[in-house]
């Protein structure tokens, strides 16, 4: 079958299908040919080479994500700002900027902080409304600080998890 261009009506462009013989051929092709192929049809080259890579350790990537380091090498930074992802690792060059965590980190942060803080609301519950203002302000401050500390780590966790599962990568069709 080789390369076969298929019309993609939802995206308005053509997609490229790769068969197993092309994947075997790409393993023995010269680097110059691979660079040329990457310029012409980058998704074909990446899709064909995906099956030759080793399995990624999910728990290691999650631990590295929680530390806000690169899920591949563990040395580079995964975030360029508070929540803005770096395009790639400064150490190993792994591209993590294309991984979209979307609402997962916010959801996980709210779930975790809510479960950690909710017992304190019951502990400080008081029928006298005026006596409950100070504990409420303390708890609200703890919630805000915990959320601000956990949100980047949850984003790192989700980026590491998505990277390890190869969820965003293009594979053979």
C-alpha atoms as a PDB file:
ATOM      1  CA  UNK A   1       0.000   0.000   0.000  1.00  0.00           C
ATOM      2  CA  UNK A   2       2.857   2.454   0.718  1.00  0.00           C
ATOM      3  CA  UNK A   3       1.664   6.014   1.097  1.00  0.00           C
ATOM      4  CA  UNK A   4      -2.003   6.562   0.477  1.00  0.00           C
ATOM      5  CA  UNK A   5      -3.561   9.998   0.753  1.00  0.00           C
ATOM      6  CA  UNK A   6      -7.074  10.021   2.161  1.00  0.00           C
ATOM      7  CA  UNK A   7      -9.392  13.008   2.231  1.00  0.00           C
ATOM      8  CA  UNK A   8     -10.318  14.074   5.742  1.00  0.00           C
ATOM      9  CA  UNK A   9     -13.705  15.847   5.494  1.00  0.00           C
ATOM     10  CA  UNK A  10     -13.644  17.101   9.096  1.00  0.00           C
ATOM     11  CA  UNK A  11     -10.307  18.872   8.877  1.00  0.00           C
ATOM     12  CA  UNK A  12     -10.315  19.817   5.201  1.00  0.00           C
ATOM     13  CA  UNK A  13      -6.897  18.317   4.521  1.00  0.00           C
ATOM     14  CA  UNK A  14      -5.466  14.995   3.515  1.00  0.00           C
ATOM     15  CA  UNK A  15      -4.214  12.436   5.969  1.00  0.00           C
ATOM     16  CA  UNK A  16      -1.520   9.895   5.229  1.00  0.00           C
ATOM     17  CA  UNK A  17      -1.865   6.173   5.916  1.00  0.00           C
ATOM     18  CA  UNK A  18       1.225   4.063   6.579  1.00  0.00           C
ATOM     19  CA  UNK A  19       1.477   0.304   6.216  1.00  0.00           C
ATOM     20  CA  UNK A  20       3.870  -2.103   7.932  1.00  0.00           C
ATOM     21  CA  UNK A  21       6.230  -2.413   4.953  1.00  0.00           C
ATOM     22  CA  UNK A  22       6.870   1.344   5.088  1.00  0.00           C
ATOM     23  CA  UNK A  23       7.591   1.103   8.812  1.00  0.00           C
ATOM     24  CA  UNK A  24      10.156  -1.636   8.171  1.00  0.00           C
ATOM     25  CA  UNK A  25      11.660   0.421   5.343  1.00  0.00           C
ATOM     26  CA  UNK A  26      11.997   3.517   7.549  1.00  0.00           C
ATOM     27  CA  UNK A  27      14.068   1.567  10.080  1.00  0.00           C
ATOM     28  CA  UNK A  28      16.771   0.975   7.440  1.00  0.00           C
ATOM     29  CA  UNK A  29      16.554   4.324   5.630  1.00  0.00           C
ATOM     30  CA  UNK A  30      19.405   6.844   5.719  1.00  0.00           C
ATOM     31  CA  UNK A  31      19.129   9.911   8.001  1.00  0.00           C
ATOM     32  CA  UNK A  32      19.049  12.285   5.007  1.00  0.00           C
ATOM     33  CA  UNK A  33      16.044  10.471   3.563  1.00  0.00           C
ATOM     34  CA  UNK A  34      14.298  10.547   6.936  1.00  0.00           C
ATOM     35  CA  UNK A  35      14.870  14.315   7.229  1.00  0.00           C
ATOM     36  CA  UNK A  36      13.447  14.819   3.745  1.00  0.00           C
ATOM     37  CA  UNK A  37      10.451  12.652   4.600  1.00  0.00           C
ATOM     38  CA  UNK A  38       9.956  14.603   7.816  1.00  0.00           C
ATOM     39  CA  UNK A  39       9.807  17.837   5.800  1.00  0.00           C
ATOM     40  CA  UNK A  40       7.330  16.405   3.286  1.00  0.00           C
ATOM     41  CA  UNK A  41       5.045  14.427   5.603  1.00  0.00           C
ATOM     42  CA  UNK A  42       6.086  14.720   9.266  1.00  0.00           C
ATOM     43  CA  UNK A  43       3.104  12.741  10.546  1.00  0.00           C
ATOM     44  CA  UNK A  44       4.087   9.729   8.413  1.00  0.00           C
ATOM     45  CA  UNK A  45       7.610   9.657   9.780  1.00  0.00           C
ATOM     46  CA  UNK A  46       6.435  10.031  13.379  1.00  0.00           C
ATOM     47  CA  UNK A  47       3.677   7.444  12.958  1.00  0.00           C
ATOM     48  CA  UNK A  48       6.050   4.907  11.473  1.00  0.00           C
ATOM     49  CA  UNK A  49       8.702   5.421  14.117  1.00  0.00           C
ATOM     50  CA  UNK A  50       6.260   5.303  17.060  1.00  0.00           C
ATOM     51  CA  UNK A  51       6.126   1.509  17.146  1.00  0.00           C
ATOM     52  CA  UNK A  52       9.913   1.181  17.430  1.00  0.00           C
ATOM     53  CA  UNK A  53      10.164   3.182  20.660  1.00  0.00           C
ATOM     54  CA  UNK A  54      10.311   1.532  24.066  1.00  0.00           C
ATOM     55  CA  UNK A  55       7.428   1.444  26.532  1.00  0.00           C
ATOM     56  CA  UNK A  56       7.307   4.462  28.818  1.00  0.00           C
ATOM     57  CA  UNK A  57       7.097   3.990  32.593  1.00  0.00           C
ATOM     58  CA  UNK A  58       3.831   5.612  33.686  1.00  0.00           C
ATOM     59  CA  UNK A  59       4.605   5.896  37.414  1.00  0.00           C
ATOM     60  CA  UNK A  60       8.041   7.371  36.771  1.00  0.00           C
ATOM     61  CA  UNK A  61       6.523   9.963  34.422  1.00  0.00           C
ATOM     62  CA  UNK A  62       3.838  10.807  37.001  1.00  0.00           C
ATOM     63  CA  UNK A  63       6.438  11.235  39.781  1.00  0.00           C
ATOM     64  CA  UNK A  64       8.552  13.446  37.538  1.00  0.00           C
ATOM     65  CA  UNK A  65       5.459  15.442  36.576  1.00  0.00           C
ATOM     66  CA  UNK A  66       4.620  16.019  40.249  1.00  0.00           C
ATOM     67  CA  UNK A  67       8.162  17.373  40.698  1.00  0.00           C
ATOM     68  CA  UNK A  68       7.533  19.661  37.674  1.00  0.00           C
ATOM     69  CA  UNK A  69      10.412  18.086  35.775  1.00  0.00           C
ATOM     70  CA  UNK A  70      10.548  16.556  32.301  1.00  0.00           C
ATOM     71  CA  UNK A  71       8.739  13.184  32.174  1.00  0.00           C
ATOM     72  CA  UNK A  72      11.405  11.781  29.844  1.00  0.00           C
ATOM     73  CA  UNK A  73      14.673  12.670  31.599  1.00  0.00           C
ATOM     74  CA  UNK A  74      13.616  14.166  34.945  1.00  0.00           C
ATOM     75  CA  UNK A  75      16.064  17.079  34.682  1.00  0.00           C
ATOM     76  CA  UNK A  76      14.458  19.815  32.563  1.00  0.00           C
ATOM     77  CA  UNK A  77      11.471  21.931  33.604  1.00  0.00           C
ATOM     78  CA  UNK A  78       8.000  21.015  32.344  1.00  0.00           C
ATOM     79  CA  UNK A  79       6.491  24.470  32.974  1.00  0.00           C
ATOM     80  CA  UNK A  80       7.859  27.772  31.697  1.00  0.00           C
ATOM     81  CA  UNK A  81       5.666  29.846  34.021  1.00  0.00           C
ATOM     82  CA  UNK A  82       3.099  29.205  36.718  1.00  0.00           C
ATOM     83  CA  UNK A  83       0.886  27.103  34.416  1.00  0.00           C
ATOM     84  CA  UNK A  84       2.379  27.766  30.970  1.00  0.00           C
ATOM     85  CA  UNK A  85       4.014  24.671  29.527  1.00  0.00           C
ATOM     86  CA  UNK A  86       7.524  24.788  28.138  1.00  0.00           C
ATOM     87  CA  UNK A  87       7.746  23.873  24.455  1.00  0.00           C
ATOM     88  CA  UNK A  88      10.339  21.226  25.146  1.00  0.00           C
ATOM     89  CA  UNK A  89      12.830  20.002  27.688  1.00  0.00           C
ATOM     90  CA  UNK A  90      16.004  22.083  27.916  1.00  0.00           C
ATOM     91  CA  UNK A  91      17.982  18.957  28.808  1.00  0.00           C
ATOM     92  CA  UNK A  92      16.802  16.150  26.494  1.00  0.00           C
ATOM     93  CA  UNK A  93      14.719  18.072  23.917  1.00  0.00           C
ATOM     94  CA  UNK A  94      11.515  16.026  24.455  1.00  0.00           C
ATOM     95  CA  UNK A  95       8.559  18.038  23.162  1.00  0.00           C
ATOM     96  CA  UNK A  96       5.909  18.369  25.868  1.00  0.00           C
ATOM     97  CA  UNK A  97       4.442  21.698  24.746  1.00  0.00           C
ATOM     98  CA  UNK A  98       1.927  19.966  22.477  1.00  0.00           C
ATOM     99  CA  UNK A  99       0.411  17.920  25.317  1.00  0.00           C
ATOM    100  CA  UNK A 100      -2.923  19.378  26.404  1.00  0.00           C
ATOM    101  CA  UNK A 101      -3.985  18.721  29.982  1.00  0.00           C
ATOM    102  CA  UNK A 102      -7.122  20.903  29.590  1.00  0.00           C
ATOM    103  CA  UNK A 103      -9.363  20.838  32.707  1.00  0.00           C
ATOM    104  CA  UNK A 104      -7.836  17.756  34.333  1.00  0.00           C
ATOM    105  CA  UNK A 105      -5.444  19.606  36.677  1.00  0.00           C
ATOM    106  CA  UNK A 106      -8.134  22.013  37.912  1.00  0.00           C
ATOM    107  CA  UNK A 107     -10.561  19.139  38.483  1.00  0.00           C
ATOM    108  CA  UNK A 108      -7.981  17.087  40.407  1.00  0.00           C
ATOM    109  CA  UNK A 109      -6.910  20.097  42.501  1.00  0.00           C
ATOM    110  CA  UNK A 110     -10.484  20.917  43.516  1.00  0.00           C
ATOM    111  CA  UNK A 111     -11.145  17.269  44.331  1.00  0.00           C
ATOM    112  CA  UNK A 112      -8.013  16.940  46.469  1.00  0.00           C
ATOM    113  CA  UNK A 113      -8.270  20.280  48.300  1.00  0.00           C
ATOM    114  CA  UNK A 114     -11.994  19.793  48.911  1.00  0.00           C
ATOM    115  CA  UNK A 115     -11.458  16.412  50.511  1.00  0.00           C
ATOM    116  CA  UNK A 116      -8.565  17.649  52.638  1.00  0.00           C
ATOM    117  CA  UNK A 117     -10.310  20.796  53.895  1.00  0.00           C
ATOM    118  CA  UNK A 118     -13.947  19.682  54.309  1.00  0.00           C
ATOM    119  CA  UNK A 119     -13.403  18.033  57.746  1.00  0.00           C
ATOM    120  CA  UNK A 120     -12.275  21.401  59.137  1.00  0.00           C
ATOM    121  CA  UNK A 121     -15.598  22.995  58.198  1.00  0.00           C
ATOM    122  CA  UNK A 122     -17.359  20.429  60.384  1.00  0.00           C
ATOM    123  CA  UNK A 123     -14.771  20.815  63.136  1.00  0.00           C
ATOM    124  CA  UNK A 124     -15.246  24.576  63.369  1.00  0.00           C
ATOM    125  CA  UNK A 125     -19.018  24.547  62.809  1.00  0.00           C
ATOM    126  CA  UNK A 126     -20.603  26.821  65.385  1.00  0.00           C
ATOM    127  CA  UNK A 127     -24.216  27.972  65.698  1.00  0.00           C
ATOM    128  CA  UNK A 128     -23.022  31.467  66.633  1.00  0.00           C
ATOM    129  CA  UNK A 129     -22.354  33.160  63.275  1.00  0.00           C
ATOM    130  CA  UNK A 130     -19.992  35.803  64.688  1.00  0.00           C
ATOM    131  CA  UNK A 131     -17.686  33.208  66.269  1.00  0.00           C
ATOM    132  CA  UNK A 132     -17.290  31.398  62.941  1.00  0.00           C
ATOM    133  CA  UNK A 133     -15.770  34.313  61.007  1.00  0.00           C
ATOM    134  CA  UNK A 134     -12.168  33.804  62.142  1.00  0.00           C
ATOM    135  CA  UNK A 135     -12.077  30.027  61.529  1.00  0.00           C
ATOM    136  CA  UNK A 136     -13.753  30.606  58.162  1.00  0.00           C
ATOM    137  CA  UNK A 137     -11.091  33.140  57.152  1.00  0.00           C
ATOM    138  CA  UNK A 138      -8.324  30.761  58.270  1.00  0.00           C
ATOM    139  CA  UNK A 139      -9.836  27.863  56.316  1.00  0.00           C
ATOM    140  CA  UNK A 140     -10.409  30.058  53.243  1.00  0.00           C
ATOM    141  CA  UNK A 141      -6.756  31.148  53.346  1.00  0.00           C
ATOM    142  CA  UNK A 142      -5.610  27.523  53.631  1.00  0.00           C
ATOM    143  CA  UNK A 143      -7.830  26.572  50.667  1.00  0.00           C
ATOM    144  CA  UNK A 144      -6.407  29.350  48.499  1.00  0.00           C
ATOM    145  CA  UNK A 145      -2.784  28.571  49.402  1.00  0.00           C
ATOM    146  CA  UNK A 146      -3.278  24.810  48.926  1.00  0.00           C
ATOM    147  CA  UNK A 147      -4.931  25.380  45.549  1.00  0.00           C
ATOM    148  CA  UNK A 148      -2.155  27.678  44.355  1.00  0.00           C
ATOM    149  CA  UNK A 149       0.505  25.164  45.462  1.00  0.00           C
ATOM    150  CA  UNK A 150      -1.202  22.060  44.055  1.00  0.00           C
ATOM    151  CA  UNK A 151      -2.416  23.347  40.673  1.00  0.00           C
ATOM    152  CA  UNK A 152       1.005  23.400  38.909  1.00  0.00           C
ATOM    153  CA  UNK A 153       1.850  19.972  40.342  1.00  0.00           C
ATOM    154  CA  UNK A 154      -1.443  18.545  39.097  1.00  0.00           C
ATOM    155  CA  UNK A 155      -0.703  19.983  35.668  1.00  0.00           C
ATOM    156  CA  UNK A 156       2.709  18.300  35.774  1.00  0.00           C
ATOM    157  CA  UNK A 157       1.052  15.045  36.843  1.00  0.00           C
ATOM    158  CA  UNK A 158      -1.408  15.151  33.934  1.00  0.00           C
ATOM    159  CA  UNK A 159       1.274  16.103  31.392  1.00  0.00           C
ATOM    160  CA  UNK A 160       3.452  13.231  32.637  1.00  0.00           C
ATOM    161  CA  UNK A 161       0.531  10.806  32.479  1.00  0.00           C
ATOM    162  CA  UNK A 162      -0.481  11.884  28.972  1.00  0.00           C
ATOM    163  CA  UNK A 163       3.153  11.748  27.813  1.00  0.00           C
ATOM    164  CA  UNK A 164       3.631   8.230  29.219  1.00  0.00           C
ATOM    165  CA  UNK A 165       0.424   6.928  27.658  1.00  0.00           C
ATOM    166  CA  UNK A 166       1.249   8.512  24.269  1.00  0.00           C
ATOM    167  CA  UNK A 167      -2.353   9.746  24.114  1.00  0.00           C
ATOM    168  CA  UNK A 168      -1.568  12.766  21.942  1.00  0.00           C
ATOM    169  CA  UNK A 169       0.738  11.073  19.455  1.00  0.00           C
ATOM    170  CA  UNK A 170      -0.141  10.128  15.904  1.00  0.00           C
ATOM    171  CA  UNK A 171      -0.053   6.397  15.286  1.00  0.00           C
ATOM    172  CA  UNK A 172      -0.528   4.188  12.239  1.00  0.00           C
ATOM    173  CA  UNK A 173      -4.055   4.388  10.863  1.00  0.00           C
END
